């Protein structure tokens, strides 16, 4: 696909625009990966807090 796009940009001397599109695409991909990792970390933390709450409930039941 890049083989089709690159000559069109080169014909019109829009190399600056091509570079901008590449940079913006890379940044968008980086943001998407960052948010995906943040969501996964949030799920792991939520699981940890739930297990901690279950542990505390067991301790309270066993407490005389």
N, C-alpha and C. Protein backbone atom coordinates (compact mmCIF):
# COMPACT_ATOMS: atom_id res chain seq x y z
N UNK A 1 0.82 -1.19 0.00
CA UNK A 1 0.00 0.00 0.00
C UNK A 1 0.86 1.25 0.00
N UNK A 2 1.97 1.17 0.73
CA UNK A 2 2.87 2.32 0.76
C UNK A 2 3.47 2.58 -0.61
N UNK A 3 3.59 1.51 -1.43
CA UNK A 3 4.12 1.67 -2.79
C UNK A 3 3.19 2.51 -3.65
N UNK A 4 1.91 2.50 -3.34
CA UNK A 4 0.95 3.31 -4.09
C UNK A 4 0.91 4.75 -3.60
N UNK A 5 1.08 4.93 -2.32
CA UNK A 5 0.95 6.27 -1.73
C UNK A 5 2.21 7.09 -1.92
N UNK A 6 3.37 6.47 -1.74
CA UNK A 6 4.64 7.20 -1.78
C UNK A 6 4.88 7.93 -3.10
N UNK A 7 4.65 7.32 -4.27
CA UNK A 7 4.87 8.07 -5.52
C UNK A 7 3.96 9.29 -5.68
N UNK A 8 2.72 9.18 -5.20
CA UNK A 8 1.79 10.33 -5.29
C UNK A 8 2.32 11.51 -4.48
N UNK A 9 2.81 11.23 -3.28
CA UNK A 9 3.37 12.30 -2.46
C UNK A 9 4.64 12.86 -3.11
N UNK A 10 5.46 12.00 -3.67
CA UNK A 10 6.72 12.44 -4.27
C UNK A 10 6.45 13.30 -5.51
N UNK A 11 5.41 12.98 -6.28
CA UNK A 11 5.06 13.76 -7.47
C UNK A 11 4.70 15.19 -7.11
N UNK A 12 4.03 15.37 -6.01
CA UNK A 12 3.56 16.69 -5.62
C UNK A 12 4.48 17.36 -4.61
N UNK A 13 5.62 16.76 -4.35
CA UNK A 13 6.61 17.31 -3.42
C UNK A 13 6.03 17.53 -2.02
N UNK A 14 5.19 16.61 -1.61
CA UNK A 14 4.59 16.69 -0.29
C UNK A 14 5.28 15.73 0.68
N UNK A 15 6.57 15.69 0.64
CA UNK A 15 7.33 14.80 1.50
C UNK A 15 7.14 15.20 2.97
N UNK A 16 7.02 16.49 3.22
CA UNK A 16 6.77 16.95 4.58
C UNK A 16 5.46 16.42 5.12
N UNK A 17 4.44 16.41 4.28
CA UNK A 17 3.16 15.87 4.70
C UNK A 17 3.26 14.37 4.94
N UNK A 18 4.00 13.67 4.09
CA UNK A 18 4.19 12.24 4.28
C UNK A 18 4.88 11.97 5.61
N UNK A 19 5.91 12.74 5.91
CA UNK A 19 6.61 12.57 7.19
C UNK A 19 5.66 12.84 8.36
N UNK A 20 4.84 13.86 8.23
CA UNK A 20 3.89 14.18 9.29
C UNK A 20 2.88 13.05 9.50
N UNK A 21 2.40 12.48 8.40
CA UNK A 21 1.45 11.37 8.50
C UNK A 21 2.10 10.17 9.18
N UNK A 22 3.35 9.88 8.83
CA UNK A 22 4.06 8.76 9.44
C UNK A 22 4.26 8.99 10.93
N UNK A 23 4.64 10.21 11.30
CA UNK A 23 4.86 10.52 12.72
C UNK A 23 3.55 10.42 13.49
N UNK A 24 2.50 10.98 12.96
CA UNK A 24 1.20 10.95 13.63
C UNK A 24 0.70 9.50 13.75
N UNK A 25 0.90 8.72 12.71
CA UNK A 25 0.50 7.31 12.77
C UNK A 25 1.27 6.56 13.85
N UNK A 26 2.57 6.84 13.94
CA UNK A 26 3.38 6.20 14.98
C UNK A 26 2.96 6.62 16.38
N UNK A 27 2.67 7.90 16.54
CA UNK A 27 2.21 8.37 17.85
C UNK A 27 0.86 7.78 18.23
N UNK A 28 -0.02 7.66 17.25
CA UNK A 28 -1.32 7.06 17.52
C UNK A 28 -1.17 5.61 17.95
N UNK A 29 -0.29 4.89 17.29
CA UNK A 29 -0.05 3.49 17.67
C UNK A 29 0.54 3.42 19.08
N UNK A 30 1.44 4.33 19.40
CA UNK A 30 2.04 4.34 20.74
C UNK A 30 0.99 4.63 21.81
N UNK A 31 0.11 5.58 21.55
CA UNK A 31 -0.96 5.90 22.51
C UNK A 31 -1.88 4.71 22.69
N UNK A 32 -2.20 4.03 21.57
CA UNK A 32 -3.09 2.87 21.67
C UNK A 32 -2.44 1.77 22.51
N UNK A 33 -1.17 1.51 22.31
CA UNK A 33 -0.48 0.50 23.11
C UNK A 33 -0.42 0.91 24.57
N UNK A 34 -0.20 2.20 24.83
CA UNK A 34 -0.14 2.70 26.19
C UNK A 34 -1.47 2.52 26.91
N UNK A 35 -2.56 2.88 26.24
CA UNK A 35 -3.88 2.72 26.86
C UNK A 35 -4.23 1.26 27.05
N UNK A 36 -3.82 0.39 26.13
CA UNK A 36 -4.07 -1.04 26.29
C UNK A 36 -3.34 -1.57 27.52
N UNK A 37 -2.09 -1.17 27.69
CA UNK A 37 -1.33 -1.60 28.87
C UNK A 37 -1.90 -1.02 30.15
N UNK A 38 -2.37 0.23 30.10
CA UNK A 38 -2.99 0.84 31.27
C UNK A 38 -4.26 0.11 31.67
N UNK A 39 -5.06 -0.28 30.68
CA UNK A 39 -6.28 -1.04 30.97
C UNK A 39 -5.94 -2.39 31.59
N UNK A 40 -4.92 -3.05 31.07
CA UNK A 40 -4.51 -4.35 31.63
C UNK A 40 -4.01 -4.19 33.06
N UNK A 41 -3.24 -3.14 33.31
CA UNK A 41 -2.75 -2.90 34.67
C UNK A 41 -3.92 -2.61 35.62
N UNK A 42 -4.90 -1.88 35.13
CA UNK A 42 -6.08 -1.58 35.94
C UNK A 42 -6.84 -2.86 36.30
N UNK A 43 -6.97 -3.77 35.33
CA UNK A 43 -7.64 -5.04 35.61
C UNK A 43 -6.86 -5.86 36.63
N UNK A 44 -5.53 -5.89 36.50
CA UNK A 44 -4.71 -6.65 37.46
C UNK A 44 -4.84 -6.06 38.86
N UNK A 45 -4.83 -4.74 38.97
CA UNK A 45 -4.97 -4.09 40.27
C UNK A 45 -6.34 -4.38 40.86
N UNK A 46 -7.38 -4.36 40.04
CA UNK A 46 -8.73 -4.65 40.51
C UNK A 46 -8.81 -6.08 41.04
N UNK A 47 -8.19 -7.01 40.34
CA UNK A 47 -8.16 -8.40 40.81
C UNK A 47 -7.43 -8.50 42.14
N UNK A 48 -6.33 -7.80 42.27
CA UNK A 48 -5.57 -7.80 43.53
C UNK A 48 -6.41 -7.26 44.69
N UNK A 49 -7.09 -6.16 44.47
CA UNK A 49 -7.91 -5.56 45.53
C UNK A 49 -9.05 -6.49 45.93
N UNK A 50 -9.67 -7.15 44.95
CA UNK A 50 -10.75 -8.10 45.28
C UNK A 50 -10.23 -9.26 46.10
N UNK A 51 -9.07 -9.80 45.73
CA UNK A 51 -8.50 -10.91 46.50
C UNK A 51 -8.11 -10.46 47.90
N UNK A 52 -7.61 -9.26 48.03
CA UNK A 52 -7.27 -8.71 49.35
C UNK A 52 -8.52 -8.57 50.20
N UNK A 53 -9.62 -8.12 49.61
CA UNK A 53 -10.88 -7.99 50.35
C UNK A 53 -11.39 -9.36 50.79
N UNK A 54 -11.27 -10.37 49.92
CA UNK A 54 -11.68 -11.72 50.30
C UNK A 54 -10.82 -12.24 51.45
N UNK A 55 -9.54 -11.97 51.40
CA UNK A 55 -8.63 -12.39 52.46
C UNK A 55 -9.01 -11.73 53.79
N UNK A 56 -9.30 -10.43 53.75
CA UNK A 56 -9.70 -9.72 54.97
C UNK A 56 -11.02 -10.24 55.52
N UNK A 57 -11.96 -10.60 54.65
CA UNK A 57 -13.23 -11.16 55.12
C UNK A 57 -13.00 -12.49 55.81
N UNK A 58 -12.11 -13.33 55.27
CA UNK A 58 -11.81 -14.60 55.93
C UNK A 58 -11.19 -14.39 57.30
N UNK A 59 -10.31 -13.40 57.41
CA UNK A 59 -9.69 -13.12 58.70
C UNK A 59 -10.71 -12.63 59.72
N UNK A 60 -11.67 -11.81 59.28
CA UNK A 60 -12.69 -11.30 60.18
C UNK A 60 -13.61 -12.43 60.66
N UNK A 61 -13.91 -13.39 59.81
CA UNK A 61 -14.77 -14.52 60.21
C UNK A 61 -14.06 -15.40 61.23
N UNK A 62 -12.76 -15.58 61.07
CA UNK A 62 -12.01 -16.45 61.97
C UNK A 62 -11.64 -15.76 63.26
N UNK A 63 -11.80 -14.47 63.35
CA UNK A 63 -11.45 -13.70 64.54
C UNK A 63 -12.49 -13.96 65.64
N UNK A 64 -12.04 -14.38 66.84
CA UNK A 64 -13.02 -14.67 67.92
C UNK A 64 -13.61 -13.45 68.54
